[in-house]
């Protein structure tokens, strides 16, 4: 069990788990460096796959050039996590100097070629990764070139699971408007604003029930989740994995997955940003909206109680449950293709958030949500850097703006992503002053 897991059945919004993935790259060329196994060995003088550093733990991933940082146990508040992650990134970067390497952010490496550069994690749990590779061929962007933030949110029982799952399903389609950071693959513009999610949608097409429509089905109890999601996954995988090495809860690859073994829903549609400050800002924004949608009434260190602030009325639980995966998927697919300036014309969806027009861009919707829901709920709104995204665009948009005056020359790409590595090292947002 990962140290970031919510190991007991905590109630809604009492704790949070955050996971952030980063690439190990050469300090000079920014080429991927598959040395995570050596890095962890040198930490412990043994072939380990995890290292605990106080409130943050470090662990391996499927591929050997990625390190994951995560809460070392459930976190009672988000407000200091940006600093905690930044401190650990600085420590890792210091240790990586011995290999002439550093960490680099964003949702995908801009010039890695997975077919020739992929190296799977070689040590503990390698048999799991090798089986994944035999079944799905992990030498592609959807497997070996993607970095994301996962948000783990707890539920105590079936009622809390149903309310949280209904709310998360409504939020998933519009989250990539904030978080897209992967417009560039193999030194070319991708067809989608969020290339990571384009590949994530299709990387397990050999067994389509594993991902489904990415937006989870209309299931709001543990029993229904097993019947409609886990049981079909288990049935489809048995011929490919007769020994049951791959657990169905880990195989489930929807945009949000339920973990009933630890009482949590994990949101997985968020590209990693340029620094923890921006990741945690997106997490704060998303959780504020989910607290509003679920009717959560308690205050904590990050949020006011809804009764203490003026908020619009949230849609009822039955209304939230009524949304089909296909209706939500239509919005989601538009946004991962064209970003925060996608026009949402589904008036019924906009009405959920009391948007004052029959249509509007995803950015306009988020500005409205920030003003009417997020900002009033935050106890320290200055700690949420979402206005950077609302003003300057998603990181994908800022990447496109920074490179727009040039053909995609390798030297320009390296210079820009070196700036992102610097942003990560100093925990500051990237705002392009001009194009490179």
Protein backbone atom coordinates (compact mmCIF):
# COMPACT_ATOMS: atom_id res chain seq x y z
CA UNK A 1 0.00 0.00 0.00
CA UNK A 2 1.44 3.35 -1.03
CA UNK A 3 2.23 5.74 1.78
CA UNK A 4 -0.05 8.39 0.26
CA UNK A 5 -3.10 6.15 0.51
CA UNK A 6 -5.94 7.08 2.82
CA UNK A 7 -5.53 4.00 4.99
CA UNK A 8 -8.64 4.40 7.16
CA UNK A 9 -12.18 5.36 6.27
CA UNK A 10 -11.95 9.10 6.79
CA UNK A 11 -15.03 11.21 6.12
CA UNK A 12 -15.55 13.61 3.22
CA UNK A 13 -12.88 16.32 2.93
CA UNK A 14 -11.29 15.63 6.33
CA UNK A 15 -7.98 14.71 4.65
CA UNK A 16 -6.43 14.77 1.19
CA UNK A 17 -3.71 12.87 -0.64
CA UNK A 18 -1.72 14.53 -3.44
CA UNK A 19 0.65 12.75 -5.85
CA UNK A 20 2.94 14.57 -8.31
CA UNK A 21 5.03 12.94 -11.05
CA UNK A 22 8.23 14.41 -12.51
CA UNK A 23 10.74 13.43 -15.19
CA UNK A 24 14.43 12.92 -14.51
CA UNK A 25 16.32 14.67 -17.31
CA UNK A 26 19.89 15.53 -18.20
CA UNK A 27 20.82 18.95 -16.79
CA UNK A 28 22.27 20.08 -20.12
CA UNK A 29 20.33 18.40 -22.93
CA UNK A 30 17.06 17.75 -21.01
CA UNK A 31 16.96 14.25 -22.52
CA UNK A 32 15.25 11.71 -20.29
CA UNK A 33 17.57 9.90 -17.88
CA UNK A 34 16.30 6.44 -16.84
CA UNK A 35 18.20 6.37 -13.54
CA UNK A 36 15.45 6.21 -10.91
CA UNK A 37 16.64 2.75 -9.84
CA UNK A 38 20.18 4.05 -9.23
CA UNK A 39 18.83 7.12 -7.46
CA UNK A 40 16.80 5.04 -5.00
CA UNK A 41 19.60 2.51 -4.53
CA UNK A 42 22.00 5.28 -3.57
CA UNK A 43 19.49 6.63 -1.05
CA UNK A 44 19.16 3.35 0.84
CA UNK A 45 22.19 1.33 -0.29
CA UNK A 46 19.64 -1.26 -1.39
CA UNK A 47 17.28 -1.76 -4.36
CA UNK A 48 14.25 0.02 -2.83
CA UNK A 49 11.36 1.66 -4.65
CA UNK A 50 10.26 4.19 -2.01
CA UNK A 51 11.86 6.68 0.34
CA UNK A 52 10.10 8.52 3.17
CA UNK A 53 11.20 12.08 3.84
CA UNK A 54 8.96 13.33 6.61
CA UNK A 55 5.54 14.41 5.33
CA UNK A 56 6.43 13.61 1.70
CA UNK A 57 7.42 10.22 0.26
CA UNK A 58 9.24 9.52 -3.02
CA UNK A 59 8.59 6.44 -5.14
CA UNK A 60 9.21 4.87 -8.51
CA UNK A 61 6.79 4.65 -11.42
CA UNK A 62 6.31 2.35 -14.42
CA UNK A 63 9.24 3.88 -16.30
CA UNK A 64 12.71 4.45 -14.95
CA UNK A 65 12.93 8.18 -15.74
CA UNK A 66 9.96 9.21 -13.56
CA UNK A 67 9.78 9.87 -9.81
CA UNK A 68 6.55 10.36 -7.91
CA UNK A 69 6.28 12.59 -4.85
CA UNK A 70 3.26 12.07 -2.61
CA UNK A 71 1.81 12.87 0.77
CA UNK A 72 3.28 10.42 3.27
CA UNK A 73 -0.12 9.68 4.75
CA UNK A 74 -3.35 11.69 4.58
CA UNK A 75 -2.82 15.45 4.82
CA UNK A 76 -5.27 17.41 7.00
CA UNK A 77 -4.79 20.60 4.97
CA UNK A 78 -3.52 21.72 1.58
CA UNK A 79 -2.21 25.14 2.51
CA UNK A 80 1.37 24.10 3.33
CA UNK A 81 1.70 21.28 0.80
CA UNK A 82 3.12 23.54 -1.89
CA UNK A 83 6.08 24.38 0.34
CA UNK A 84 6.52 20.76 1.48
CA UNK A 85 6.64 19.49 -2.11
CA UNK A 86 8.99 22.32 -3.11
CA UNK A 87 11.40 21.46 -0.30
CA UNK A 88 11.49 17.83 -1.40
CA UNK A 89 12.01 18.79 -5.04
CA UNK A 90 15.00 20.89 -3.97
CA UNK A 91 16.42 17.95 -2.02
CA UNK A 92 15.98 15.57 -4.95
CA UNK A 93 17.53 18.05 -7.37
CA UNK A 94 20.53 18.39 -5.08
CA UNK A 95 20.99 14.62 -5.04
CA UNK A 96 20.50 14.39 -8.81
CA UNK A 97 23.43 16.74 -9.39
CA UNK A 98 25.70 13.72 -8.86
CA UNK A 99 24.24 12.28 -12.08
CA UNK A 100 24.22 15.64 -13.92
CA UNK A 101 20.43 15.39 -13.84
CA UNK A 102 17.44 17.32 -12.53
CA UNK A 103 13.65 17.09 -12.31
CA UNK A 104 11.49 18.55 -15.08
CA UNK A 105 7.73 19.21 -14.91
CA UNK A 106 4.74 19.32 -17.32
CA UNK A 107 2.44 16.54 -18.50
CA UNK A 108 4.77 15.16 -21.18
CA UNK A 109 8.37 15.38 -22.36
CA UNK A 110 8.49 17.52 -25.53
CA UNK A 111 11.00 15.48 -27.52
CA UNK A 112 11.25 12.03 -25.93
CA UNK A 113 10.73 9.16 -28.38
CA UNK A 114 9.13 6.39 -26.34
CA UNK A 115 9.66 3.66 -28.93
CA UNK A 116 13.43 3.85 -28.43
CA UNK A 117 13.92 5.63 -25.07
CA UNK A 118 11.50 3.79 -22.78
CA UNK A 119 13.12 1.86 -19.93
CA UNK A 120 10.80 0.11 -17.48
CA UNK A 121 11.47 0.13 -13.73
CA UNK A 122 13.77 -2.91 -13.26
CA UNK A 123 13.48 -3.73 -9.54
CA UNK A 124 10.69 -4.47 -7.05
CA UNK A 125 7.28 -5.10 -8.67
CA UNK A 126 8.98 -5.37 -12.06
CA UNK A 127 6.90 -8.47 -12.86
CA UNK A 128 3.80 -6.24 -12.78
CA UNK A 129 5.33 -3.71 -15.17
CA UNK A 130 6.62 -6.44 -17.50
CA UNK A 131 3.13 -7.97 -17.68
CA UNK A 132 1.60 -4.58 -18.45
CA UNK A 133 4.18 -4.23 -21.22
CA UNK A 134 3.44 -7.67 -22.69
CA UNK A 135 -0.30 -6.99 -22.76
CA UNK A 136 -0.40 -3.31 -23.74
CA UNK A 137 3.07 -2.43 -25.12
CA UNK A 138 4.14 0.35 -22.77
CA UNK A 139 6.55 1.95 -25.26
CA UNK A 140 4.22 4.75 -26.25
CA UNK A 141 3.32 8.24 -25.06
CA UNK A 142 0.26 7.01 -23.16
CA UNK A 143 2.42 4.82 -20.96
CA UNK A 144 5.99 6.07 -20.78
CA UNK A 145 5.70 9.79 -21.49
CA UNK A 146 3.12 11.24 -19.15
CA UNK A 147 3.23 12.99 -15.79
CA UNK A 148 0.16 13.86 -13.78
CA UNK A 149 -1.20 15.02 -10.45
CA UNK A 150 -3.57 12.69 -8.62
CA UNK A 151 -5.94 13.99 -5.96
CA UNK A 152 -7.16 11.42 -3.41
CA UNK A 153 -10.37 12.30 -1.56
CA UNK A 154 -11.92 10.15 1.19
CA UNK A 155 -15.38 8.75 1.77
CA UNK A 156 -16.57 6.92 4.89
CA UNK A 157 -19.54 4.93 3.59
CA UNK A 158 -21.81 4.32 0.60
CA UNK A 159 -23.70 7.58 1.06
CA UNK A 160 -20.51 9.65 1.03
CA UNK A 161 -19.14 7.65 -1.89
CA UNK A 162 -22.28 8.30 -3.94
CA UNK A 163 -22.29 12.03 -3.26
CA UNK A 164 -18.57 12.39 -3.95
CA UNK A 165 -18.65 10.26 -7.11
CA UNK A 166 -21.60 12.21 -8.52
CA UNK A 167 -19.80 15.51 -7.90
CA UNK A 168 -16.46 14.32 -9.28
CA UNK A 169 -18.11 13.13 -12.50
CA UNK A 170 -19.47 16.65 -13.10
CA UNK A 171 -16.11 18.28 -12.43
CA UNK A 172 -13.94 15.99 -14.59
CA UNK A 173 -14.89 17.45 -18.01
CA UNK A 174 -13.72 20.97 -17.19
CA UNK A 175 -10.60 20.29 -15.10
CA UNK A 176 -8.28 19.95 -18.15
CA UNK A 177 -9.19 23.53 -19.10
CA UNK A 178 -7.04 24.51 -16.11
CA UNK A 179 -4.43 21.76 -16.10
CA UNK A 180 -3.47 20.99 -19.72
CA UNK A 181 0.33 21.18 -20.04
CA UNK A 182 1.16 18.74 -22.84
CA UNK A 183 0.59 20.32 -26.29
CA UNK A 184 3.94 19.18 -27.67
CA UNK A 185 5.23 15.67 -28.43
CA UNK A 186 8.34 14.62 -30.34
CA UNK A 187 9.04 18.27 -31.25
CA UNK A 188 5.66 18.71 -32.96
CA UNK A 189 2.38 20.29 -31.93
CA UNK A 190 -0.12 17.62 -31.04
CA UNK A 191 -3.65 17.67 -32.43
CA UNK A 192 -4.91 18.14 -28.85
CA UNK A 193 -4.31 20.86 -26.28
CA UNK A 194 -3.87 18.03 -23.75
CA UNK A 195 -1.91 15.32 -25.58
CA UNK A 196 -1.41 13.30 -22.39
CA UNK A 197 -5.16 12.77 -22.05
CA UNK A 198 -5.55 12.01 -25.75
CA UNK A 199 -3.15 9.10 -25.36
CA UNK A 200 -4.51 8.17 -21.92
CA UNK A 201 -7.94 7.72 -23.54
CA UNK A 202 -6.67 5.04 -25.91
CA UNK A 203 -3.57 3.41 -24.42
CA UNK A 204 -5.48 0.32 -23.24
CA UNK A 205 -7.78 -0.22 -26.22
CA UNK A 206 -6.89 -3.91 -26.27
CA UNK A 207 -9.17 -4.14 -23.20
CA UNK A 208 -11.59 -1.20 -23.58
CA UNK A 209 -13.46 -1.81 -20.30
CA UNK A 210 -10.35 -0.81 -18.33
CA UNK A 211 -10.74 2.86 -19.30
CA UNK A 212 -14.39 2.84 -20.36
CA UNK A 213 -15.41 6.28 -21.58
CA UNK A 214 -12.92 7.83 -19.12
CA UNK A 215 -15.85 9.64 -17.46
CA UNK A 216 -17.04 7.01 -14.95
CA UNK A 217 -20.39 5.31 -15.30
CA UNK A 218 -23.49 6.35 -13.33
CA UNK A 219 -22.73 4.16 -10.32
CA UNK A 220 -23.16 5.51 -6.81
CA UNK A 221 -22.79 2.49 -4.49
CA UNK A 222 -19.94 0.06 -3.92
CA UNK A 223 -22.08 -2.86 -5.06
CA UNK A 224 -22.99 -1.21 -8.34
CA UNK A 225 -19.37 -0.18 -8.89
CA UNK A 226 -18.28 -3.80 -8.62
CA UNK A 227 -21.05 -5.02 -10.93
CA UNK A 228 -20.65 -2.38 -13.63
CA UNK A 229 -16.90 -1.64 -13.52
CA UNK A 230 -14.76 -4.11 -11.57
CA UNK A 231 -16.50 -7.34 -12.64
CA UNK A 232 -16.24 -6.57 -16.40
CA UNK A 233 -12.56 -5.64 -15.96
CA UNK A 234 -11.88 -8.91 -14.13
CA UNK A 235 -13.69 -10.95 -16.79
CA UNK A 236 -11.88 -9.25 -19.67
CA UNK A 237 -8.44 -9.62 -18.09
CA UNK A 238 -8.64 -13.25 -16.97
CA UNK A 239 -7.55 -14.70 -20.35
CA UNK A 240 -4.62 -12.25 -20.50
CA UNK A 241 -3.64 -12.53 -16.83
CA UNK A 242 -4.78 -15.98 -15.63
CA UNK A 243 -2.65 -15.75 -12.47
CA UNK A 244 -4.36 -12.51 -11.43
CA UNK A 245 -1.12 -10.58 -11.03
CA UNK A 246 -2.77 -7.30 -12.04
CA UNK A 247 -5.36 -6.27 -9.45
CA UNK A 248 -8.63 -4.95 -10.85
CA UNK A 249 -8.60 -1.84 -8.63
CA UNK A 250 -5.23 -0.85 -10.11
CA UNK A 251 -6.26 -1.77 -13.65
CA UNK A 252 -9.25 0.58 -13.54
CA UNK A 253 -8.08 3.62 -15.53
CA UNK A 254 -11.06 5.94 -15.64
CA UNK A 255 -10.53 9.65 -15.12
CA UNK A 256 -11.52 9.11 -11.50
CA UNK A 257 -11.25 5.71 -9.84
CA UNK A 258 -12.77 4.33 -6.65
CA UNK A 259 -10.50 2.62 -4.13
CA UNK A 260 -12.84 0.86 -1.73
CA UNK A 261 -9.92 -0.86 -0.01
CA UNK A 262 -8.97 2.51 1.47
CA UNK A 263 -12.15 4.56 1.07
CA UNK A 264 -11.00 7.09 -1.51
CA UNK A 265 -11.70 8.42 -4.99
CA UNK A 266 -8.61 9.30 -7.01
CA UNK A 267 -8.88 12.05 -9.67
CA UNK A 268 -6.47 11.38 -12.54
CA UNK A 269 -7.18 13.85 -15.37
CA UNK A 270 -4.71 16.55 -14.27
CA UNK A 271 -1.42 17.18 -16.09
CA UNK A 272 1.49 18.11 -13.83
CA UNK A 273 2.07 21.87 -13.76
CA UNK A 274 5.31 23.88 -13.79
CA UNK A 275 5.58 23.98 -9.98
CA UNK A 276 3.77 22.64 -6.89
CA UNK A 277 2.23 26.05 -6.22
CA UNK A 278 0.21 25.73 -9.42
CA UNK A 279 -0.70 22.07 -8.82
CA UNK A 280 -1.95 22.80 -5.31
CA UNK A 281 -3.86 25.84 -6.59
CA UNK A 282 -5.74 23.61 -9.04
CA UNK A 283 -6.36 21.10 -6.23
CA UNK A 284 -7.73 23.85 -3.97
CA UNK A 285 -10.03 25.05 -6.74
CA UNK A 286 -11.31 21.59 -7.57
CA UNK A 287 -11.90 20.63 -3.96
CA UNK A 288 -13.76 23.89 -3.31
CA UNK A 289 -16.16 23.06 -6.14
CA UNK A 290 -16.60 19.49 -4.88
CA UNK A 291 -17.36 20.71 -1.35
CA UNK A 292 -20.04 22.96 -2.84
CA UNK A 293 -21.52 20.21 -5.03
CA UNK A 294 -21.67 17.67 -2.19
CA UNK A 295 -23.23 20.12 0.25
CA UNK A 296 -20.32 19.81 2.66
CA UNK A 297 -21.02 22.05 5.64
CA UNK A 298 -17.91 22.02 7.83
CA UNK A 299 -15.06 24.50 7.89
CA UNK A 300 -11.41 23.42 8.11
CA UNK A 301 -7.96 24.98 7.83
CA UNK A 302 -8.39 25.69 4.10
CA UNK A 303 -12.10 26.43 3.66
CA UNK A 304 -14.90 28.40 5.28
CA UNK A 305 -18.16 26.68 6.14
CA UNK A 306 -20.68 27.41 3.34
CA UNK A 307 -23.10 28.85 5.90
CA UNK A 308 -20.57 31.56 6.71
CA UNK A 309 -20.30 32.84 3.11
CA UNK A 310 -22.69 33.67 0.28
CA UNK A 311 -22.82 30.93 -2.35
CA UNK A 312 -25.22 30.01 -5.16
CA UNK A 313 -27.42 26.98 -4.58
CA UNK A 314 -25.76 23.72 -5.63
CA UNK A 315 -27.66 21.31 -7.88
CA UNK A 316 -29.36 18.51 -5.96
CA UNK A 317 -27.91 15.01 -5.71
CA UNK A 318 -30.55 13.51 -8.02
CA UNK A 319 -29.76 16.12 -10.68
CA UNK A 320 -26.05 15.36 -10.42
CA UNK A 321 -26.64 11.61 -10.73
CA UNK A 322 -28.76 12.10 -13.84
CA UNK A 323 -25.80 13.06 -16.05
CA UNK A 324 -24.72 10.28 -18.41
CA UNK A 325 -21.08 9.55 -19.14
CA UNK A 326 -21.64 10.30 -22.83
CA UNK A 327 -23.03 13.80 -22.15
CA UNK A 328 -20.07 14.64 -19.92
CA UNK A 329 -17.59 12.99 -22.29
CA UNK A 330 -18.68 15.29 -25.12
CA UNK A 331 -17.62 18.34 -23.08
CA UNK A 332 -14.43 16.64 -21.89
CA UNK A 333 -13.31 15.69 -25.40
CA UNK A 334 -13.87 19.20 -26.72
CA UNK A 335 -11.80 20.70 -23.91
CA UNK A 336 -8.83 18.34 -24.20
CA UNK A 337 -8.79 19.10 -27.94
CA UNK A 338 -9.07 22.91 -27.91
CA UNK A 339 -8.37 23.96 -24.32
CA UNK A 340 -9.79 26.62 -22.07
CA UNK A 341 -11.18 28.69 -24.94
CA UNK A 342 -13.47 25.83 -25.99
CA UNK A 343 -17.05 27.08 -26.25
CA UNK A 344 -19.39 25.07 -24.04
CA UNK A 345 -22.86 25.24 -25.58
CA UNK A 346 -24.54 22.72 -23.27
CA UNK A 347 -26.77 25.15 -21.40
CA UNK A 348 -27.94 22.44 -19.01
CA UNK A 349 -24.33 21.90 -17.89
CA UNK A 350 -23.67 25.62 -17.53
CA UNK A 351 -26.83 25.98 -15.45
CA UNK A 352 -25.37 23.63 -12.84
CA UNK A 353 -22.95 26.43 -11.95
CA UNK A 354 -25.41 29.32 -12.47
CA UNK A 355 -23.44 30.56 -15.47
CA UNK A 356 -25.26 33.71 -16.70
CA UNK A 357 -25.36 32.85 -20.43
CA UNK A 358 -26.51 30.07 -22.74
CA UNK A 359 -22.94 29.41 -23.89
CA UNK A 360 -19.44 30.45 -22.94
CA UNK A 361 -15.83 29.36 -23.02
CA UNK A 362 -14.42 27.00 -20.43
CA UNK A 363 -12.21 29.85 -19.24
CA UNK A 364 -15.25 32.10 -18.77
CA UNK A 365 -16.99 29.33 -16.84
CA UNK A 366 -13.99 28.91 -14.54
CA UNK A 367 -13.79 32.67 -13.97
CA UNK A 368 -17.45 32.59 -12.94
CA UNK A 369 -16.87 29.57 -10.67
CA UNK A 370 -13.82 31.19 -9.11
CA UNK A 371 -15.71 34.39 -8.34
CA UNK A 372 -18.92 32.81 -7.04
CA UNK A 373 -17.73 29.59 -5.37
CA UNK A 374 -13.97 29.13 -4.98
CA UNK A 375 -12.88 32.57 -3.77
CA UNK A 376 -15.67 32.87 -1.16
CA UNK A 377 -14.87 29.41 0.26
CA UNK A 378 -11.10 29.85 0.52
CA UNK A 379 -9.81 31.08 3.87
CA UNK A 380 -6.58 32.28 2.26
CA UNK A 381 -7.48 33.02 -1.38
CA UNK A 382 -4.08 34.61 -1.95
CA UNK A 383 -2.58 31.11 -1.65
CA UNK A 384 -4.54 29.97 -4.71
CA UNK A 385 -2.75 31.01 -7.90
CA UNK A 386 -5.65 30.09 -10.17
CA UNK A 387 -5.89 33.72 -11.42
CA UNK A 388 -2.56 33.11 -13.22
CA UNK A 389 -4.29 30.47 -15.34
CA UNK A 390 -7.50 32.46 -15.74
CA UNK A 391 -5.54 35.47 -17.00
CA UNK A 392 -2.67 33.91 -18.96
CA UNK A 393 -4.18 30.55 -19.91
CA UNK A 394 -3.34 26.95 -19.16
CA UNK A 395 0.30 25.96 -19.32
CA UNK A 396 -0.40 24.44 -22.76
CA UNK A 397 -1.56 27.86 -23.92
CA UNK A 398 1.49 29.54 -22.40
CA UNK A 399 3.76 27.00 -24.11
CA UNK A 400 2.13 27.71 -27.48
CA UNK A 401 2.42 31.45 -26.94
CA UNK A 402 6.09 31.18 -25.99
CA UNK A 403 7.00 29.21 -29.10
CA UNK A 404 4.55 30.76 -31.55
CA UNK A 405 7.06 33.07 -33.25
CA UNK A 406 9.36 30.20 -34.23
CA UNK A 407 9.35 26.94 -36.03
CA UNK A 408 9.73 24.24 -33.44
CA UNK A 409 13.49 24.26 -33.38
CA UNK A 410 15.06 21.92 -30.85
CA UNK A 411 17.08 24.71 -29.25
CA UNK A 412 13.98 26.82 -28.59
CA UNK A 413 12.14 23.89 -27.04
CA UNK A 414 15.10 23.09 -24.79
CA UNK A 415 15.35 26.72 -23.67
CA UNK A 416 11.65 26.89 -22.79
CA UNK A 417 11.60 23.61 -20.88
CA UNK A 418 14.77 24.61 -19.06
CA UNK A 419 12.73 27.57 -17.80
CA UNK A 420 10.06 25.12 -16.61
CA UNK A 421 12.70 23.11 -14.74
CA UNK A 422 13.80 26.39 -13.13
CA UNK A 423 10.18 27.17 -12.22
CA UNK A 424 9.96 23.77 -10.56
CA UNK A 425 13.19 24.35 -8.66
CA UNK A 426 12.00 27.73 -7.35
CA UNK A 427 8.26 26.97 -7.02
CA UNK A 428 7.11 29.85 -9.18
CA UNK A 429 4.53 30.13 -11.94
CA UNK A 430 5.55 30.57 -15.55
CA UNK A 431 4.22 33.73 -17.17
CA UNK A 432 5.71 34.33 -20.63
CA UNK A 433 7.09 37.84 -21.00
CA UNK A 434 7.47 37.34 -24.73
CA UNK A 435 8.10 34.58 -27.22
CA UNK A 436 11.50 32.92 -27.46
